C-alpha atoms as a PDB file:
ATOM      1  CA  UNK A   1       0.839  13.490   4.055  1.00  0.00           C
ATOM      2  CA  UNK A   2       0.893  15.507   7.289  1.00  0.00           C
ATOM      3  CA  UNK A   3      -1.171  12.924   9.216  1.00  0.00           C
ATOM      4  CA  UNK A   4       1.222  10.206   8.179  1.00  0.00           C
ATOM      5  CA  UNK A   5       4.222  12.259   9.304  1.00  0.00           C
ATOM      6  CA  UNK A   6       2.570  12.980  12.705  1.00  0.00           C
ATOM      7  CA  UNK A   7       1.716   9.337  13.271  1.00  0.00           C
ATOM      8  CA  UNK A   8       5.215   8.140  12.359  1.00  0.00           C
ATOM      9  CA  UNK A   9       6.794  10.832  14.586  1.00  0.00           C
ATOM     10  CA  UNK A  10       4.571   9.735  17.515  1.00  0.00           C
ATOM     11  CA  UNK A  11       5.501   6.073  17.024  1.00  0.00           C
ATOM     12  CA  UNK A  12       9.206   6.930  16.809  1.00  0.00           C
ATOM     13  CA  UNK A  13       9.003   9.072  19.941  1.00  0.00           C
ATOM     14  CA  UNK A  14       7.300   6.351  21.997  1.00  0.00           C
ATOM     15  CA  UNK A  15       9.800   3.720  20.787  1.00  0.00           C
ATOM     16  CA  UNK A  16      12.733   6.002  21.640  1.00  0.00           C
ATOM     17  CA  UNK A  17      11.287   6.822  25.093  1.00  0.00           C
ATOM     18  CA  UNK A  18      10.989   3.136  25.940  1.00  0.00           C
ATOM     19  CA  UNK A  19      14.107   2.018  24.131  1.00  0.00           C
ATOM     20  CA  UNK A  20      12.158  -0.251  21.751  1.00  0.00           C
ATOM     21  CA  UNK A  21      12.634  -0.891  18.032  1.00  0.00           C
ATOM     22  CA  UNK A  22       9.971   0.065  15.470  1.00  0.00           C
ATOM     23  CA  UNK A  23       8.368  -2.341  13.073  1.00  0.00           C
ATOM     24  CA  UNK A  24       6.563  -0.561  10.264  1.00  0.00           C
ATOM     25  CA  UNK A  25       3.922  -1.744   7.782  1.00  0.00           C
ATOM     26  CA  UNK A  26       2.093   0.094   5.000  1.00  0.00           C
ATOM     27  CA  UNK A  27      -1.606   0.362   4.226  1.00  0.00           C
ATOM     28  CA  UNK A  28      -0.981  -1.915   1.261  1.00  0.00           C
ATOM     29  CA  UNK A  29       0.623  -4.543   3.492  1.00  0.00           C
ATOM     30  CA  UNK A  30      -2.400  -4.284   5.812  1.00  0.00           C
ATOM     31  CA  UNK A  31      -4.776  -4.875   2.916  1.00  0.00           C
ATOM     32  CA  UNK A  32      -2.872  -8.002   1.948  1.00  0.00           C
ATOM     33  CA  UNK A  33      -2.307  -9.291   5.454  1.00  0.00           C
ATOM     34  CA  UNK A  34      -3.089 -12.976   5.580  1.00  0.00           C
ATOM     35  CA  UNK A  35      -3.887 -13.089   1.831  1.00  0.00           C
ATOM     36  CA  UNK A  36      -1.842 -14.669  -0.916  1.00  0.00           C
ATOM     37  CA  UNK A  37      -2.208 -14.458  -4.695  1.00  0.00           C
ATOM     38  CA  UNK A  38      -3.615 -10.991  -4.412  1.00  0.00           C
ATOM     39  CA  UNK A  39      -3.157  -7.338  -5.493  1.00  0.00           C
ATOM     40  CA  UNK A  40      -3.907  -4.391  -3.171  1.00  0.00           C
ATOM     41  CA  UNK A  41      -4.783  -1.296  -5.172  1.00  0.00           C
ATOM     42  CA  UNK A  42      -5.365   2.187  -3.783  1.00  0.00           C
ATOM     43  CA  UNK A  43      -6.836   4.782  -6.163  1.00  0.00           C
ATOM     44  CA  UNK A  44      -5.014   8.116  -6.521  1.00  0.00           C
ATOM     45  CA  UNK A  45      -7.138   9.521  -9.420  1.00  0.00           C
ATOM     46  CA  UNK A  46      -6.579  10.030 -13.098  1.00  0.00           C
ATOM     47  CA  UNK A  47      -6.056   6.303 -13.775  1.00  0.00           C
ATOM     48  CA  UNK A  48      -3.175   6.047 -11.280  1.00  0.00           C
ATOM     49  CA  UNK A  49      -2.829   4.092  -8.131  1.00  0.00           C
ATOM     50  CA  UNK A  50      -0.580   2.619  -5.493  1.00  0.00           C
ATOM     51  CA  UNK A  51      -0.269  -1.178  -5.610  1.00  0.00           C
ATOM     52  CA  UNK A  52       1.411  -4.124  -4.004  1.00  0.00           C
ATOM     53  CA  UNK A  53       1.183  -7.640  -5.467  1.00  0.00           C
ATOM     54  CA  UNK A  54       1.617 -10.880  -3.512  1.00  0.00           C
ATOM     55  CA  UNK A  55       1.901 -13.429  -6.304  1.00  0.00           C
ATOM     56  CA  UNK A  56       4.568 -15.779  -7.573  1.00  0.00           C
ATOM     57  CA  UNK A  57       6.944 -13.896  -9.880  1.00  0.00           C
ATOM     58  CA  UNK A  58       6.152 -10.429  -8.430  1.00  0.00           C
ATOM     59  CA  UNK A  59       8.214  -8.529  -5.912  1.00  0.00           C
ATOM     60  CA  UNK A  60       5.941  -7.616  -2.976  1.00  0.00           C
ATOM     61  CA  UNK A  61       7.013  -3.964  -2.941  1.00  0.00           C
ATOM     62  CA  UNK A  62       4.680  -0.931  -2.897  1.00  0.00           C
ATOM     63  CA  UNK A  63       4.637   0.860  -6.252  1.00  0.00           C
ATOM     64  CA  UNK A  64       3.020   3.838  -7.942  1.00  0.00           C
ATOM     65  CA  UNK A  65       1.236   2.535 -11.060  1.00  0.00           C
ATOM     66  CA  UNK A  66      -0.793   3.466 -14.066  1.00  0.00           C
ATOM     67  CA  UNK A  67      -3.729   1.143 -13.412  1.00  0.00           C
ATOM     68  CA  UNK A  68      -4.047  -0.120 -17.017  1.00  0.00           C
ATOM     69  CA  UNK A  69      -0.358  -0.903 -17.108  1.00  0.00           C
ATOM     70  CA  UNK A  70      -0.643  -2.834 -13.844  1.00  0.00           C
ATOM     71  CA  UNK A  71      -3.595  -4.818 -15.053  1.00  0.00           C
ATOM     72  CA  UNK A  72      -1.698  -5.848 -18.164  1.00  0.00           C
ATOM     73  CA  UNK A  73       0.864  -7.609 -15.959  1.00  0.00           C
ATOM     74  CA  UNK A  74      -1.482  -9.375 -13.526  1.00  0.00           C
ATOM     75  CA  UNK A  75      -2.700 -12.986 -13.945  1.00  0.00           C
ATOM     76  CA  UNK A  76      -6.454 -13.485 -14.568  1.00  0.00           C
ATOM     77  CA  UNK A  77      -8.167 -14.822 -11.469  1.00  0.00           C
ATOM     78  CA  UNK A  78      -6.115 -12.743  -9.028  1.00  0.00           C
ATOM     79  CA  UNK A  79      -7.835 -11.467  -5.895  1.00  0.00           C
ATOM     80  CA  UNK A  80      -8.144  -7.649  -5.876  1.00  0.00           C
ATOM     81  CA  UNK A  81      -8.411  -5.610  -2.672  1.00  0.00           C
ATOM     82  CA  UNK A  82      -8.555  -1.940  -1.754  1.00  0.00           C
ATOM     83  CA  UNK A  83     -10.486   1.116  -2.728  1.00  0.00           C
ATOM     84  CA  UNK A  84      -8.930   1.039  -6.197  1.00  0.00           C
ATOM     85  CA  UNK A  85     -10.370  -2.425  -6.740  1.00  0.00           C
ATOM     86  CA  UNK A  86     -13.781  -1.104  -5.886  1.00  0.00           C
ATOM     87  CA  UNK A  87     -13.519   2.090  -7.949  1.00  0.00           C
ATOM     88  CA  UNK A  88     -12.057   0.395 -10.982  1.00  0.00           C
ATOM     89  CA  UNK A  89     -14.007  -2.891 -10.835  1.00  0.00           C
ATOM     90  CA  UNK A  90     -15.306  -2.630 -14.422  1.00  0.00           C
ATOM     91  CA  UNK A  91     -11.883  -1.716 -15.794  1.00  0.00           C
ATOM     92  CA  UNK A  92     -10.368  -4.658 -13.888  1.00  0.00           C
ATOM     93  CA  UNK A  93     -13.011  -7.107 -15.144  1.00  0.00           C
ATOM     94  CA  UNK A  94     -12.441  -5.929 -18.728  1.00  0.00           C
ATOM     95  CA  UNK A  95      -8.758  -6.693 -18.451  1.00  0.00           C
ATOM     96  CA  UNK A  96      -9.086  -9.701 -16.130  1.00  0.00           C
ATOM     97  CA  UNK A  97     -12.539 -11.315 -16.611  1.00  0.00           C
ATOM     98  CA  UNK A  98     -11.922 -13.875 -13.836  1.00  0.00           C
ATOM     99  CA  UNK A  99     -10.597 -11.424 -11.243  1.00  0.00           C
ATOM    100  CA  UNK A 100     -11.973 -11.860  -7.785  1.00  0.00           C
ATOM    101  CA  UNK A 101     -12.651  -9.098  -5.304  1.00  0.00           C
ATOM    102  CA  UNK A 102     -12.027  -9.095  -1.538  1.00  0.00           C
ATOM    103  CA  UNK A 103     -14.986  -8.445   0.692  1.00  0.00           C
ATOM    104  CA  UNK A 104     -13.190  -6.074   3.096  1.00  0.00           C
ATOM    105  CA  UNK A 105     -11.580  -3.241   1.152  1.00  0.00           C
ATOM    106  CA  UNK A 106     -11.111  -0.755   3.964  1.00  0.00           C
ATOM    107  CA  UNK A 107      -7.715   0.013   5.366  1.00  0.00           C
ATOM    108  CA  UNK A 108      -8.041  -1.293   8.948  1.00  0.00           C
ATOM    109  CA  UNK A 109      -5.480  -0.371  11.553  1.00  0.00           C
ATOM    110  CA  UNK A 110      -5.463  -3.810  13.248  1.00  0.00           C
ATOM    111  CA  UNK A 111      -4.456  -5.491  10.029  1.00  0.00           C
ATOM    112  CA  UNK A 112      -1.609  -3.018   9.523  1.00  0.00           C
ATOM    113  CA  UNK A 113      -0.634  -3.651  13.204  1.00  0.00           C
ATOM    114  CA  UNK A 114      -0.680  -7.414  12.582  1.00  0.00           C
ATOM    115  CA  UNK A 115       1.516  -7.019   9.501  1.00  0.00           C
ATOM    116  CA  UNK A 116       3.951  -4.870  11.556  1.00  0.00           C
ATOM    117  CA  UNK A 117       3.856  -7.400  14.436  1.00  0.00           C
ATOM    118  CA  UNK A 118       4.824 -10.235  12.070  1.00  0.00           C
ATOM    119  CA  UNK A 119       7.760  -8.125  10.968  1.00  0.00           C
ATOM    120  CA  UNK A 120       8.703  -7.478  14.541  1.00  0.00           C
ATOM    121  CA  UNK A 121       8.654 -11.262  15.344  1.00  0.00           C
ATOM    122  CA  UNK A 122      10.859 -11.852  12.292  1.00  0.00           C
ATOM    123  CA  UNK A 123      13.315  -9.217  13.492  1.00  0.00           C
ATOM    124  CA  UNK A 124      12.506  -6.754  10.696  1.00  0.00           C
ATOM    125  CA  UNK A 125      12.739  -3.636  12.841  1.00  0.00           C
ATOM    126  CA  UNK A 126      14.291  -0.219  12.425  1.00  0.00           C
ATOM    127  CA  UNK A 127      15.646   2.433  14.753  1.00  0.00           C
ATOM    128  CA  UNK A 128      13.368   5.037  13.221  1.00  0.00           C
ATOM    129  CA  UNK A 129      10.411   4.516  10.898  1.00  0.00           C
ATOM    130  CA  UNK A 130      10.202   6.792   7.892  1.00  0.00           C
ATOM    131  CA  UNK A 131       7.196   7.627   5.713  1.00  0.00           C
ATOM    132  CA  UNK A 132       7.153   5.939   2.300  1.00  0.00           C
ATOM    133  CA  UNK A 133       6.028   8.310  -0.422  1.00  0.00           C
ATOM    134  CA  UNK A 134       5.648   6.670  -3.790  1.00  0.00           C
ATOM    135  CA  UNK A 135       5.166  10.022  -5.495  1.00  0.00           C
ATOM    136  CA  UNK A 136       5.391  13.730  -4.535  1.00  0.00           C
ATOM    137  CA  UNK A 137       2.385  15.359  -2.848  1.00  0.00           C
ATOM    138  CA  UNK A 138       0.017  17.510  -4.950  1.00  0.00           C
ATOM    139  CA  UNK A 139       1.471  20.611  -3.216  1.00  0.00           C
ATOM    140  CA  UNK A 140       5.003  19.573  -4.171  1.00  0.00           C
ATOM    141  CA  UNK A 141       3.992  18.867  -7.761  1.00  0.00           C
ATOM    142  CA  UNK A 142       2.241  22.291  -8.084  1.00  0.00           C
ATOM    143  CA  UNK A 143       5.222  24.114  -6.568  1.00  0.00           C
ATOM    144  CA  UNK A 144       7.520  22.431  -9.055  1.00  0.00           C
ATOM    145  CA  UNK A 145       5.244  23.424 -11.928  1.00  0.00           C
ATOM    146  CA  UNK A 146       5.226  27.077 -10.761  1.00  0.00           C
ATOM    147  CA  UNK A 147       9.021  27.135 -10.528  1.00  0.00           C
ATOM    148  CA  UNK A 148       9.620  25.943 -14.090  1.00  0.00           C
END
């Protein structure tokens, strides 16, 4: 969480210093860059994950998911990408026997940059980028539990 905040603050500072807009893209968007009919899945333990689906009938928005619930909504044969696809391969194949798996499952900065550049070209820019947290950090969850 802290690293994300630092990176976003640095990007915002450079954009402000040069009077330029910011085009932001997520890790999930980077995983799906240039790929259609696919699901990016990042593992966040305990059967949960972060996902984005680029497939007809799905809204391509990042979401926090229970992996089994997500799999029950996906079409068989979909291409799976991300560390969650690697870690939960057997679970995925049980639910979706014809699922396919991307070869490159690492989050690569250049693909995130290309996804952001495409947004920039389309005019999808912001004055200030903000971090997208799909769920509270572990520290926030523990603090909330202590304060009950």
